[in-house]
Amino acid sequence: MPLTGTPEADLHTHTIASGHAYSTINEIAAEAARRQLRLVGMTDHGPALPGGPHPYHFMALRFIPKHISGVRILRGVEANILGNGKLDLDDQQLSQLELVLAGFHPSCGYVGRGQEDNTKAVMSIMDKPQVHVICHPGNPEFPLDYQAIARHAAATGTALEINNSSFSVSRIGSADNCRRLAGYCAQYAAPISLGSDAHIAQGVGQLDQALTEALQAGIQLEQIVNLTLTSTLAFLKLTD
């Protein structure tokens, strides 16, 4: 297991199917191979996001090869939290995917009344066995009780994402929240996922800031579910 450097898997990327991203699956896979990644999650936005793909898009991911350019491709989604226990794909649809990220996005139908409501909604989603990762929980637009979230992640085995883009181009104001969350994850030994949130091929595998913040917070390497191909597949209960 590497002690430094880029993890072998990026579990959060977007293709042109998301409606506001700029690369194809083949382009992302080629860039992942160039950067010596061994696995990439194709996690286009769920259908509730304006411009997102139709639900059948996710069912049709069965046509995507398991390996492209030598990189293991995970058929996934970044689902939108709509309310307590509710996402924008149903449980049967989610169960057909290899990787399910879930998170809050504006203009997708979620109506919360602040930190308490948001925290309850996230925890109810973490209770769903189909959900593997809560994405960009540091978003200041949807405040959370980070201590409660970290404890629940440890209890349910759901990974909390440290999103590399949240330190630069996306969700301005997230950085301090991400650091606070990382500290609680270290305290409670909660599973962690690192994601680039790439919306163009050149962003695939850009995880350096997220990894640095995780380690500085005291997170142990064994908490990072996508550190290696083996750890990623084990976390998701998949084979290569």
Foldseek 3Di string as FASTA:
>chain_A
DDPDDFFQEAEAEEACQLVPFDHHPLLLQVLSVVVNRAEYEHAREAPLPVRHHDLVVLVVCVPPDCHHNNHGYWREHAWEQQAQLDTRDDPVSLVVGLAYEYEHDPNRNHDDDAAVRLQNRVLSNLQDPSHAEHELQLQPVHHYPLLVVLLSQLVSVHAYEDEPCCVPPPRPPRPVSSLVSLLSNLVNVGAYEYHDNYRYSVSPRPRNVVVVSNVVSNHDPLSYQRRYPVSVCVSSVHDD
